């Protein structure tokens, strides 16, 4: 699926991902249950991959100087 997002929507998505990643990272660090920590770490990795894709898109959208 391909989404068409405006630059403002991309910025908002990037900010939301950063906030979610930060919160999830804290949960991974403070979770004592091994299975749950592993699941949280997988989710964190997926969010980080998505954030890298958004950042690449942001770079494409910026005009060259």
PDB file of N, CA and C in Angstrom:
ATOM      1  N   UNK A   1       0.846  -1.162   0.000  1.00  0.00           N
ATOM      2  CA  UNK A   1       0.000   0.000   0.000  1.00  0.00           C
ATOM      3  C   UNK A   1       0.899   1.234   0.000  1.00  0.00           C
ATOM      4  N   UNK A   2       0.526   2.208  -0.793  1.00  0.00           N
ATOM      5  CA  UNK A   2       1.273   3.453  -0.874  1.00  0.00           C
ATOM      6  C   UNK A   2       0.375   4.588  -0.410  1.00  0.00           C
ATOM      7  N   UNK A   3       0.888   5.386   0.505  1.00  0.00           N
ATOM      8  CA  UNK A   3       0.147   6.540   0.997  1.00  0.00           C
ATOM      9  C   UNK A   3       0.754   7.810   0.434  1.00  0.00           C
ATOM     10  N   UNK A   4      -0.075   8.727   0.053  1.00  0.00           N
ATOM     11  CA  UNK A   4       0.380  10.045  -0.369  1.00  0.00           C
ATOM     12  C   UNK A   4       0.183  10.985   0.811  1.00  0.00           C
ATOM     13  N   UNK A   5       1.275  11.503   1.325  1.00  0.00           N
ATOM     14  CA  UNK A   5       1.218  12.380   2.484  1.00  0.00           C
ATOM     15  C   UNK A   5       1.804  13.742   2.145  1.00  0.00           C
ATOM     16  N   UNK A   6       1.229  14.764   2.724  1.00  0.00           N
ATOM     17  CA  UNK A   6       1.768  16.106   2.552  1.00  0.00           C
ATOM     18  C   UNK A   6       3.020  16.239   3.419  1.00  0.00           C
ATOM     19  N   UNK A   7       3.855  17.225   3.150  1.00  0.00           N
ATOM     20  CA  UNK A   7       5.042  17.432   3.995  1.00  0.00           C
ATOM     21  C   UNK A   7       4.686  17.619   5.471  1.00  0.00           C
ATOM     22  N   UNK A   8       3.574  18.282   5.756  1.00  0.00           N
ATOM     23  CA  UNK A   8       3.150  18.471   7.141  1.00  0.00           C
ATOM     24  C   UNK A   8       2.769  17.133   7.786  1.00  0.00           C
ATOM     25  N   UNK A   9       2.102  16.284   7.026  1.00  0.00           N
ATOM     26  CA  UNK A   9       1.723  14.978   7.544  1.00  0.00           C
ATOM     27  C   UNK A   9       2.959  14.115   7.786  1.00  0.00           C
ATOM     28  N   UNK A  10       3.936  14.211   6.922  1.00  0.00           N
ATOM     29  CA  UNK A  10       5.177  13.465   7.099  1.00  0.00           C
ATOM     30  C   UNK A  10       5.901  13.936   8.352  1.00  0.00           C
ATOM     31  N   UNK A  11       5.954  15.251   8.562  1.00  0.00           N
ATOM     32  CA  UNK A  11       6.579  15.789   9.774  1.00  0.00           C
ATOM     33  C   UNK A  11       5.863  15.295  11.025  1.00  0.00           C
ATOM     34  N   UNK A  12       4.536  15.291  10.993  1.00  0.00           N
ATOM     35  CA  UNK A  12       3.749  14.818  12.125  1.00  0.00           C
ATOM     36  C   UNK A  12       3.987  13.331  12.368  1.00  0.00           C
ATOM     37  N   UNK A  13       4.008  12.552  11.305  1.00  0.00           N
ATOM     38  CA  UNK A  13       4.270  11.125  11.416  1.00  0.00           C
ATOM     39  C   UNK A  13       5.647  10.883  12.030  1.00  0.00           C
ATOM     40  N   UNK A  14       6.635  11.633  11.583  1.00  0.00           N
ATOM     41  CA  UNK A  14       7.992  11.497  12.111  1.00  0.00           C
ATOM     42  C   UNK A  14       8.015  11.806  13.608  1.00  0.00           C
ATOM     43  N   UNK A  15       7.350  12.865  14.013  1.00  0.00           N
ATOM     44  CA  UNK A  15       7.308  13.239  15.431  1.00  0.00           C
ATOM     45  C   UNK A  15       6.591  12.168  16.260  1.00  0.00           C
ATOM     46  N   UNK A  16       5.487  11.649  15.742  1.00  0.00           N
ATOM     47  CA  UNK A  16       4.744  10.611  16.460  1.00  0.00           C
ATOM     48  C   UNK A  16       5.570   9.332  16.590  1.00  0.00           C
ATOM     49  N   UNK A  17       6.266   8.970  15.527  1.00  0.00           N
ATOM     50  CA  UNK A  17       7.121   7.791  15.580  1.00  0.00           C
ATOM     51  C   UNK A  17       8.229   7.969  16.607  1.00  0.00           C
ATOM     52  N   UNK A  18       8.849   9.140  16.621  1.00  0.00           N
ATOM     53  CA  UNK A  18       9.930   9.404  17.577  1.00  0.00           C
ATOM     54  C   UNK A  18       9.417   9.270  19.009  1.00  0.00           C
ATOM     55  N   UNK A  19       8.244   9.811  19.270  1.00  0.00           N
ATOM     56  CA  UNK A  19       7.659   9.728  20.611  1.00  0.00           C
ATOM     57  C   UNK A  19       7.317   8.282  20.969  1.00  0.00           C
ATOM     58  N   UNK A  20       6.755   7.549  20.031  1.00  0.00           N
ATOM     59  CA  UNK A  20       6.404   6.148  20.276  1.00  0.00           C
ATOM     60  C   UNK A  20       7.653   5.306  20.505  1.00  0.00           C
ATOM     61  N   UNK A  21       8.683   5.557  19.717  1.00  0.00           N
ATOM     62  CA  UNK A  21       9.933   4.813  19.863  1.00  0.00           C
ATOM     63  C   UNK A  21      10.543   5.074  21.235  1.00  0.00           C
ATOM     64  N   UNK A  22      10.533   6.310  21.658  1.00  0.00           N
ATOM     65  CA  UNK A  22      11.096   6.652  22.965  1.00  0.00           C
ATOM     66  C   UNK A  22      10.350   5.928  24.088  1.00  0.00           C
ATOM     67  N   UNK A  23       9.025   5.953  24.037  1.00  0.00           N
ATOM     68  CA  UNK A  23       8.227   5.284  25.057  1.00  0.00           C
ATOM     69  C   UNK A  23       8.411   3.778  25.045  1.00  0.00           C
ATOM     70  N   UNK A  24       8.449   3.201  23.860  1.00  0.00           N
ATOM     71  CA  UNK A  24       8.613   1.758  23.740  1.00  0.00           C
ATOM     72  C   UNK A  24      10.004   1.338  24.198  1.00  0.00           C
ATOM     73  N   UNK A  25      10.999   2.147  23.885  1.00  0.00           N
ATOM     74  CA  UNK A  25      12.361   1.856  24.333  1.00  0.00           C
ATOM     75  C   UNK A  25      12.405   1.800  25.857  1.00  0.00           C
ATOM     76  N   UNK A  26      11.750   2.746  26.511  1.00  0.00           N
ATOM     77  CA  UNK A  26      11.691   2.743  27.981  1.00  0.00           C
ATOM     78  C   UNK A  26      11.000   1.478  28.501  1.00  0.00           C
ATOM     79  N   UNK A  27       9.930   1.058  27.829  1.00  0.00           N
ATOM     80  CA  UNK A  27       9.237  -0.167  28.249  1.00  0.00           C
ATOM     81  C   UNK A  27      10.137  -1.382  28.120  1.00  0.00           C
ATOM     82  N   UNK A  28      10.899  -1.449  27.013  1.00  0.00           N
ATOM     83  CA  UNK A  28      11.809  -2.573  26.811  1.00  0.00           C
ATOM     84  C   UNK A  28      12.826  -2.616  27.954  1.00  0.00           C
ATOM     85  N   UNK A  29      13.356  -1.461  28.315  1.00  0.00           N
ATOM     86  CA  UNK A  29      14.377  -1.408  29.361  1.00  0.00           C
ATOM     87  C   UNK A  29      13.838  -1.791  30.738  1.00  0.00           C
ATOM     88  N   UNK A  30      12.568  -1.479  31.001  1.00  0.00           N
ATOM     89  CA  UNK A  30      12.015  -1.681  32.337  1.00  0.00           C
ATOM     90  C   UNK A  30      11.126  -2.912  32.468  1.00  0.00           C
ATOM     91  N   UNK A  31      11.054  -3.723  31.427  1.00  0.00           N
ATOM     92  CA  UNK A  31      10.227  -4.925  31.471  1.00  0.00           C
ATOM     93  C   UNK A  31      11.077  -6.110  31.926  1.00  0.00           C
ATOM     94  N   UNK A  32      10.609  -6.799  32.949  1.00  0.00           N
ATOM     95  CA  UNK A  32      11.343  -7.931  33.492  1.00  0.00           C
ATOM     96  C   UNK A  32      10.970  -9.264  32.832  1.00  0.00           C
ATOM     97  N   UNK A  33       9.817  -9.331  32.220  1.00  0.00           N
ATOM     98  CA  UNK A  33       9.353 -10.573  31.611  1.00  0.00           C
ATOM     99  C   UNK A  33      10.049 -10.763  30.267  1.00  0.00           C
ATOM    100  N   UNK A  34      10.829 -11.808  30.159  1.00  0.00           N
ATOM    101  CA  UNK A  34      11.674 -12.032  28.982  1.00  0.00           C
ATOM    102  C   UNK A  34      10.873 -12.084  27.676  1.00  0.00           C
ATOM    103  N   UNK A  35       9.783 -12.859  27.658  1.00  0.00           N
ATOM    104  CA  UNK A  35       8.981 -12.986  26.437  1.00  0.00           C
ATOM    105  C   UNK A  35       8.374 -11.651  26.030  1.00  0.00           C
ATOM    106  N   UNK A  36       7.879 -10.918  27.007  1.00  0.00           N
ATOM    107  CA  UNK A  36       7.287  -9.612  26.722  1.00  0.00           C
ATOM    108  C   UNK A  36       8.354  -8.648  26.222  1.00  0.00           C
ATOM    109  N   UNK A  37       9.518  -8.682  26.819  1.00  0.00           N
ATOM    110  CA  UNK A  37      10.605  -7.803  26.396  1.00  0.00           C
ATOM    111  C   UNK A  37      11.003  -8.103  24.952  1.00  0.00           C
ATOM    112  N   UNK A  38      11.040  -9.370  24.597  1.00  0.00           N
ATOM    113  CA  UNK A  38      11.372  -9.764  23.229  1.00  0.00           C
ATOM    114  C   UNK A  38      10.325  -9.240  22.242  1.00  0.00           C
ATOM    115  N   UNK A  39       9.062  -9.368  22.604  1.00  0.00           N
ATOM    116  CA  UNK A  39       7.975  -8.869  21.751  1.00  0.00           C
ATOM    117  C   UNK A  39       8.051  -7.346  21.608  1.00  0.00           C
ATOM    118  N   UNK A  40       8.303  -6.662  22.718  1.00  0.00           N
ATOM    119  CA  UNK A  40       8.426  -5.204  22.674  1.00  0.00           C
ATOM    120  C   UNK A  40       9.620  -4.782  21.818  1.00  0.00           C
ATOM    121  N   UNK A  41      10.713  -5.515  21.923  1.00  0.00           N
ATOM    122  CA  UNK A  41      11.899  -5.200  21.131  1.00  0.00           C
ATOM    123  C   UNK A  41      11.616  -5.351  19.631  1.00  0.00           C
ATOM    124  N   UNK A  42      10.842  -6.378  19.258  1.00  0.00           N
ATOM    125  CA  UNK A  42      10.459  -6.569  17.855  1.00  0.00           C
ATOM    126  C   UNK A  42       9.607  -5.398  17.364  1.00  0.00           C
ATOM    127  N   UNK A  43       8.677  -4.960  18.189  1.00  0.00           N
ATOM    128  CA  UNK A  43       7.839  -3.812  17.823  1.00  0.00           C
ATOM    129  C   UNK A  43       8.697  -2.558  17.678  1.00  0.00           C
ATOM    130  N   UNK A  44       9.641  -2.399  18.590  1.00  0.00           N
ATOM    131  CA  UNK A  44      10.541  -1.254  18.540  1.00  0.00           C
ATOM    132  C   UNK A  44      11.337  -1.259  17.239  1.00  0.00           C
ATOM    133  N   UNK A  45      11.831  -2.404  16.843  1.00  0.00           N
ATOM    134  CA  UNK A  45      12.598  -2.507  15.601  1.00  0.00           C
ATOM    135  C   UNK A  45      11.737  -2.173  14.385  1.00  0.00           C
ATOM    136  N   UNK A  46      10.478  -2.587  14.398  1.00  0.00           N
ATOM    137  CA  UNK A  46       9.578  -2.256  13.279  1.00  0.00           C
ATOM    138  C   UNK A  46       9.317  -0.755  13.224  1.00  0.00           C
ATOM    139  N   UNK A  47       9.112  -0.142  14.385  1.00  0.00           N
ATOM    140  CA  UNK A  47       8.899   1.309  14.417  1.00  0.00           C
ATOM    141  C   UNK A  47      10.142   2.056  13.939  1.00  0.00           C
ATOM    142  N   UNK A  48      11.311   1.590  14.344  1.00  0.00           N
ATOM    143  CA  UNK A  48      12.546   2.239  13.914  1.00  0.00           C
ATOM    144  C   UNK A  48      12.741   2.104  12.403  1.00  0.00           C
ATOM    145  N   UNK A  49      12.382   0.961  11.840  1.00  0.00           N
ATOM    146  CA  UNK A  49      12.476   0.777  10.393  1.00  0.00           C
ATOM    147  C   UNK A  49      11.526   1.725   9.671  1.00  0.00           C
ATOM    148  N   UNK A  50      10.327   1.862  10.196  1.00  0.00           N
ATOM    149  CA  UNK A  50       9.356   2.787   9.613  1.00  0.00           C
ATOM    150  C   UNK A  50       9.862   4.224   9.710  1.00  0.00           C
ATOM    151  N   UNK A  51      10.463   4.566  10.843  1.00  0.00           N
ATOM    152  CA  UNK A  51      10.998   5.914  11.008  1.00  0.00           C
ATOM    153  C   UNK A  51      12.114   6.181   9.987  1.00  0.00           C
ATOM    154  N   UNK A  52      12.957   5.194   9.720  1.00  0.00           N
ATOM    155  CA  UNK A  52      14.016   5.376   8.711  1.00  0.00           C
ATOM    156  C   UNK A  52      13.410   5.628   7.331  1.00  0.00           C
ATOM    157  N   UNK A  53      12.316   4.935   7.024  1.00  0.00           N
ATOM    158  CA  UNK A  53      11.645   5.151   5.742  1.00  0.00           C
ATOM    159  C   UNK A  53      11.076   6.562   5.662  1.00  0.00           C
ATOM    160  N   UNK A  54      10.487   7.032   6.750  1.00  0.00           N
ATOM    161  CA  UNK A  54       9.928   8.385   6.788  1.00  0.00           C
ATOM    162  C   UNK A  54      11.053   9.408   6.635  1.00  0.00           C
ATOM    163  N   UNK A  55      12.167   9.184   7.310  1.00  0.00           N
ATOM    164  CA  UNK A  55      13.294  10.108   7.206  1.00  0.00           C
ATOM    165  C   UNK A  55      13.850  10.151   5.786  1.00  0.00           C
ATOM    166  N   UNK A  56      13.895   9.007   5.119  1.00  0.00           N
ATOM    167  CA  UNK A  56      14.342   8.978   3.726  1.00  0.00           C
ATOM    168  C   UNK A  56      13.388   9.777   2.850  1.00  0.00           C
ATOM    169  N   UNK A  57      12.101   9.645   3.109  1.00  0.00           N
ATOM    170  CA  UNK A  57      11.095  10.398   2.356  1.00  0.00           C
ATOM    171  C   UNK A  57      11.248  11.902   2.616  1.00  0.00           C
ATOM    172  N   UNK A  58      11.552  12.254   3.864  1.00  0.00           N
ATOM    173  CA  UNK A  58      11.737  13.662   4.207  1.00  0.00           C
ATOM    174  C   UNK A  58      12.938  14.230   3.448  1.00  0.00           C
ATOM    175  N   UNK A  59      13.985  13.443   3.309  1.00  0.00           N
ATOM    176  CA  UNK A  59      15.165  13.885   2.574  1.00  0.00           C
ATOM    177  C   UNK A  59      14.833  14.097   1.098  1.00  0.00           C
ATOM    178  N   UNK A  60      13.996  13.235   0.538  1.00  0.00           N
ATOM    179  CA  UNK A  60      13.597  13.353  -0.859  1.00  0.00           C
ATOM    180  C   UNK A  60      12.767  14.611  -1.085  1.00  0.00           C
ATOM    181  N   UNK A  61      11.978  14.978  -0.106  1.00  0.00           N
ATOM    182  CA  UNK A  61      11.069  16.118  -0.227  1.00  0.00           C
ATOM    183  C   UNK A  61      11.784  17.454  -0.097  1.00  0.00           C
ATOM    184  N   UNK A  62      12.970  17.471   0.528  1.00  0.00           N
ATOM    185  CA  UNK A  62      13.679  18.724   0.727  1.00  0.00           C
ATOM    186  C   UNK A  62      14.294  19.187  -0.593  1.00  0.00           C
ATOM    187  N   UNK A  63      14.125  20.479  -0.909  1.00  0.00           N
ATOM    188  CA  UNK A  63      14.730  20.991  -2.141  1.00  0.00           C
ATOM    189  C   UNK A  63      16.243  21.026  -2.005  1.00  0.00           C
ATOM    190  N   UNK A  64      16.930  20.765  -3.094  1.00  0.00           N
ATOM    191  CA  UNK A  64      18.391  20.812  -3.095  1.00  0.00           C
ATOM    192  C   UNK A  64      18.861  22.249  -3.020  1.00  0.00           C
ATOM    193  N   UNK A  65      19.916  22.440  -2.244  1.00  0.00           N
ATOM    194  CA  UNK A  65      20.473  23.792  -2.106  1.00  0.00           C
ATOM    195  C   UNK A  65      21.657  23.977  -3.010  1.00  0.00           C
TER     196      UNK A  65
END
